[in-house]
C-alpha atoms as a PDB file:
ATOM      1  CA  MET A   1      55.416  73.674  58.138  1.00  0.00           C
ATOM      2  CA  LYS A   2      57.713  76.672  58.174  1.00  0.00           C
ATOM      3  CA  LEU A   3      59.933  76.656  55.125  1.00  0.00           C
ATOM      4  CA  ARG A   4      63.635  77.205  55.560  1.00  0.00           C
ATOM      5  CA  PHE A   5      64.258  78.466  52.001  1.00  0.00           C
ATOM      6  CA  LYS A   6      64.965  82.214  52.106  1.00  0.00           C
ATOM      7  CA  PHE A   7      62.725  83.493  49.332  1.00  0.00           C
ATOM      8  CA  THR A   8      63.487  87.110  50.255  1.00  0.00           C
ATOM      9  CA  THR A   9      67.136  86.399  49.453  1.00  0.00           C
ATOM     10  CA  PHE A  10      66.256  84.651  46.176  1.00  0.00           C
ATOM     11  CA  SER A  11      63.730  87.226  44.860  1.00  0.00           C
ATOM     12  CA  PRO A  12      66.214  89.981  43.889  1.00  0.00           C
ATOM     13  CA  PHE A  13      68.214  87.478  41.827  1.00  0.00           C
ATOM     14  CA  ALA A  14      65.031  86.264  40.129  1.00  0.00           C
ATOM     15  CA  LYS A  15      63.958  89.835  39.392  1.00  0.00           C
ATOM     16  CA  ARG A  16      67.376  90.543  37.873  1.00  0.00           C
ATOM     17  CA  ALA A  17      67.186  87.376  35.742  1.00  0.00           C
ATOM     18  CA  TYR A  18      63.647  88.319  34.678  1.00  0.00           C
ATOM     19  CA  SER A  19      64.822  91.733  33.465  1.00  0.00           C
ATOM     20  CA  LEU A  20      67.644  90.066  31.500  1.00  0.00           C
ATOM     21  CA  SER A  21      65.357  87.451  29.948  1.00  0.00           C
ATOM     22  CA  GLY A  22      63.262  89.871  27.913  1.00  0.00           C
ATOM     23  CA  THR A  23      60.280  87.522  28.250  1.00  0.00           C
ATOM     24  CA  THR A  24      56.836  89.018  28.639  1.00  0.00           C
ATOM     25  CA  GLN A  25      54.689  85.867  28.559  1.00  0.00           C
ATOM     26  CA  TYR A  26      54.623  85.637  32.373  1.00  0.00           C
ATOM     27  CA  ASP A  27      54.670  88.599  34.701  1.00  0.00           C
ATOM     28  CA  ILE A  28      57.257  88.637  37.490  1.00  0.00           C
ATOM     29  CA  LYS A  29      54.665  87.676  40.111  1.00  0.00           C
ATOM     30  CA  SER A  30      53.802  84.492  38.191  1.00  0.00           C
ATOM     31  CA  VAL A  31      57.482  83.647  37.742  1.00  0.00           C
ATOM     32  CA  LEU A  32      58.131  84.085  41.459  1.00  0.00           C
ATOM     33  CA  CYS A  33      55.095  81.938  42.299  1.00  0.00           C
ATOM     34  CA  VAL A  34      56.423  79.050  40.184  1.00  0.00           C
ATOM     35  CA  PHE A  35      59.831  79.253  41.873  1.00  0.00           C
ATOM     36  CA  CYS A  36      58.260  79.549  45.334  1.00  0.00           C
ATOM     37  CA  PHE A  37      56.018  76.535  44.782  1.00  0.00           C
ATOM     38  CA  TYR A  38      58.937  74.478  43.484  1.00  0.00           C
ATOM     39  CA  PHE A  39      61.216  75.343  46.399  1.00  0.00           C
ATOM     40  CA  ALA A  40      58.412  74.665  48.894  1.00  0.00           C
ATOM     41  CA  ALA A  41      57.725  71.261  47.296  1.00  0.00           C
ATOM     42  CA  TYR A  42      61.442  70.484  47.428  1.00  0.00           C
ATOM     43  CA  GLU A  43      61.345  70.890  51.210  1.00  0.00           C
ATOM     44  CA  VAL A  44      57.959  69.240  51.738  1.00  0.00           C
ATOM     45  CA  TYR A  45      59.081  66.142  49.819  1.00  0.00           C
ATOM     46  CA  GLY A  46      62.075  65.825  52.134  1.00  0.00           C
ATOM     47  CA  TYR A  47      64.978  67.223  50.121  1.00  0.00           C
ATOM     48  CA  GLY A  48      65.815  70.033  52.540  1.00  0.00           C
ATOM     49  CA  VAL A  49      66.589  73.557  51.413  1.00  0.00           C
ATOM     50  CA  HIS A  50      67.095  73.838  47.660  1.00  0.00           C
ATOM     51  CA  PRO A  51      70.700  74.674  46.728  1.00  0.00           C
ATOM     52  CA  ALA A  52      71.363  78.190  45.453  1.00  0.00           C
ATOM     53  CA  ILE A  53      71.179  78.736  41.714  1.00  0.00           C
ATOM     54  CA  ASN A  54      72.820  81.590  39.854  1.00  0.00           C
ATOM     55  CA  VAL A  55      71.264  84.367  37.781  1.00  0.00           C
ATOM     56  CA  SER A  56      72.039  82.696  34.448  1.00  0.00           C
ATOM     57  CA  GLN A  57      70.334  79.475  35.608  1.00  0.00           C
ATOM     58  CA  ILE A  58      67.332  81.450  36.840  1.00  0.00           C
ATOM     59  CA  GLN A  59      67.169  83.335  33.514  1.00  0.00           C
ATOM     60  CA  ARG A  60      67.274  80.066  31.527  1.00  0.00           C
ATOM     61  CA  ILE A  61      64.437  78.653  33.637  1.00  0.00           C
ATOM     62  CA  ILE A  62      62.344  81.820  33.261  1.00  0.00           C
ATOM     63  CA  GLU A  63      62.774  81.679  29.480  1.00  0.00           C
ATOM     64  CA  LYS A  64      61.630  78.042  29.436  1.00  0.00           C
ATOM     65  CA  MET A  65      58.637  78.480  31.754  1.00  0.00           C
ATOM     66  CA  PRO A  66      55.938  79.592  29.300  1.00  0.00           C
ATOM     67  CA  GLN A  67      56.364  76.734  26.870  1.00  0.00           C
ATOM     68  CA  ILE A  68      57.330  73.069  26.842  1.00  0.00           C
ATOM     69  CA  GLU A  69      58.944  71.458  23.821  1.00  0.00           C
ATOM     70  CA  SER A  70      59.132  67.683  23.613  1.00  0.00           C
ATOM     71  CA  ASP A  71      61.568  65.557  21.626  1.00  0.00           C
ATOM     72  CA  ALA A  72      58.588  64.770  19.381  1.00  0.00           C
ATOM     73  CA  HIS A  73      58.574  68.502  18.495  1.00  0.00           C
ATOM     74  CA  ASP A  74      55.275  69.092  20.268  1.00  0.00           C
ATOM     75  CA  PHE A  75      54.930  72.546  21.832  1.00  0.00           C
ATOM     76  CA  PHE A  76      52.687  73.268  24.791  1.00  0.00           C
ATOM     77  CA  ASP A  77      51.880  76.664  26.217  1.00  0.00           C
ATOM     78  CA  VAL A  78      51.876  76.341  29.975  1.00  0.00           C
ATOM     79  CA  ASP A  79      49.795  78.503  32.279  1.00  0.00           C
ATOM     80  CA  PRO A  80      51.659  79.450  35.468  1.00  0.00           C
ATOM     81  CA  ASP A  81      48.945  77.709  37.536  1.00  0.00           C
ATOM     82  CA  ASP A  82      49.639  74.441  35.657  1.00  0.00           C
ATOM     83  CA  TYR A  83      53.016  74.277  37.332  1.00  0.00           C
ATOM     84  CA  LYS A  84      51.478  73.251  40.648  1.00  0.00           C
ATOM     85  CA  LEU A  85      50.282  69.986  39.127  1.00  0.00           C
ATOM     86  CA  LEU A  86      53.459  69.486  37.080  1.00  0.00           C
ATOM     87  CA  ILE A  87      55.686  70.016  40.112  1.00  0.00           C
ATOM     88  CA  VAL A  88      53.699  67.681  42.376  1.00  0.00           C
ATOM     89  CA  SER A  89      53.700  65.076  39.617  1.00  0.00           C
ATOM     90  CA  TYR A  90      57.472  65.476  39.272  1.00  0.00           C
ATOM     91  CA  PHE A  91      58.092  64.897  42.956  1.00  0.00           C
ATOM     92  CA  GLU A  92      55.811  61.860  42.929  1.00  0.00           C
ATOM     93  CA  THR A  93      57.663  60.278  39.991  1.00  0.00           C
ATOM     94  CA  ASP A  94      60.460  57.835  40.780  1.00  0.00           C
ATOM     95  CA  PHE A  95      63.718  58.895  39.138  1.00  0.00           C
ATOM     96  CA  PHE A  96      66.956  56.976  39.379  1.00  0.00           C
ATOM     97  CA  LYS A  97      69.564  59.110  41.173  1.00  0.00           C
ATOM     98  CA  SER A  98      67.838  62.476  40.838  1.00  0.00           C
ATOM     99  CA  ASP A  99      68.648  65.193  43.354  1.00  0.00           C
ATOM    100  CA  ARG A 100      65.368  66.943  42.347  1.00  0.00           C
ATOM    101  CA  ASN A 101      67.158  70.215  41.660  1.00  0.00           C
ATOM    102  CA  ILE A 102      64.986  72.685  39.737  1.00  0.00           C
ATOM    103  CA  ASN A 103      67.533  72.529  36.915  1.00  0.00           C
ATOM    104  CA  HIS A 104      66.640  68.839  36.474  1.00  0.00           C
ATOM    105  CA  PHE A 105      62.935  69.659  36.369  1.00  0.00           C
ATOM    106  CA  PHE A 106      63.541  72.154  33.544  1.00  0.00           C
ATOM    107  CA  SER A 107      65.844  69.831  31.575  1.00  0.00           C
ATOM    108  CA  GLY A 108      65.193  67.403  28.745  1.00  0.00           C
ATOM    109  CA  GLU A 109      61.805  65.719  28.596  1.00  0.00           C
ATOM    110  CA  ILE A 110      60.979  66.032  32.320  1.00  0.00           C
ATOM    111  CA  ARG A 111      58.267  68.690  32.002  1.00  0.00           C
ATOM    112  CA  ALA A 112      56.931  67.247  28.743  1.00  0.00           C
ATOM    113  CA  MET A 113      56.410  63.841  30.354  1.00  0.00           C
ATOM    114  CA  ARG A 114      54.632  65.375  33.351  1.00  0.00           C
ATOM    115  CA  TYR A 115      52.507  67.410  30.926  1.00  0.00           C
ATOM    116  CA  TYR A 116      51.520  64.302  28.949  1.00  0.00           C
ATOM    117  CA  GLU A 117      50.678  62.454  32.180  1.00  0.00           C
ATOM    118  CA  ASN A 118      48.479  65.198  33.549  1.00  0.00           C
ATOM    119  CA  PHE A 119      46.871  66.915  30.573  1.00  0.00           C
ATOM    120  CA  TYR A 120      46.412  64.089  28.053  1.00  0.00           C
END
């Protein structure tokens, strides 16, 4: 399946957000791989091309990537490769009225619940 998402258009914005984030836990290649996998899954699971997100949203996501905090105040360090399983699990979970935007995936308890399901 040929993806319609224009990753070459997105990458400069992600690189800019990465430089603004000041994070060093993931290198830029790992960050881009997580975004690429998410946007590919978004299309594969039938949601079409992911809507554009701005630099501040990308920066917030990059800053959240390396660690998950749950409402129970548990903290989990997340390897970039773990995101493949977390993302697939997310798309296979039934949510009421979710547009599956990447901002939803990185909000609230979403990642923590997928982490508990897959690694505990």
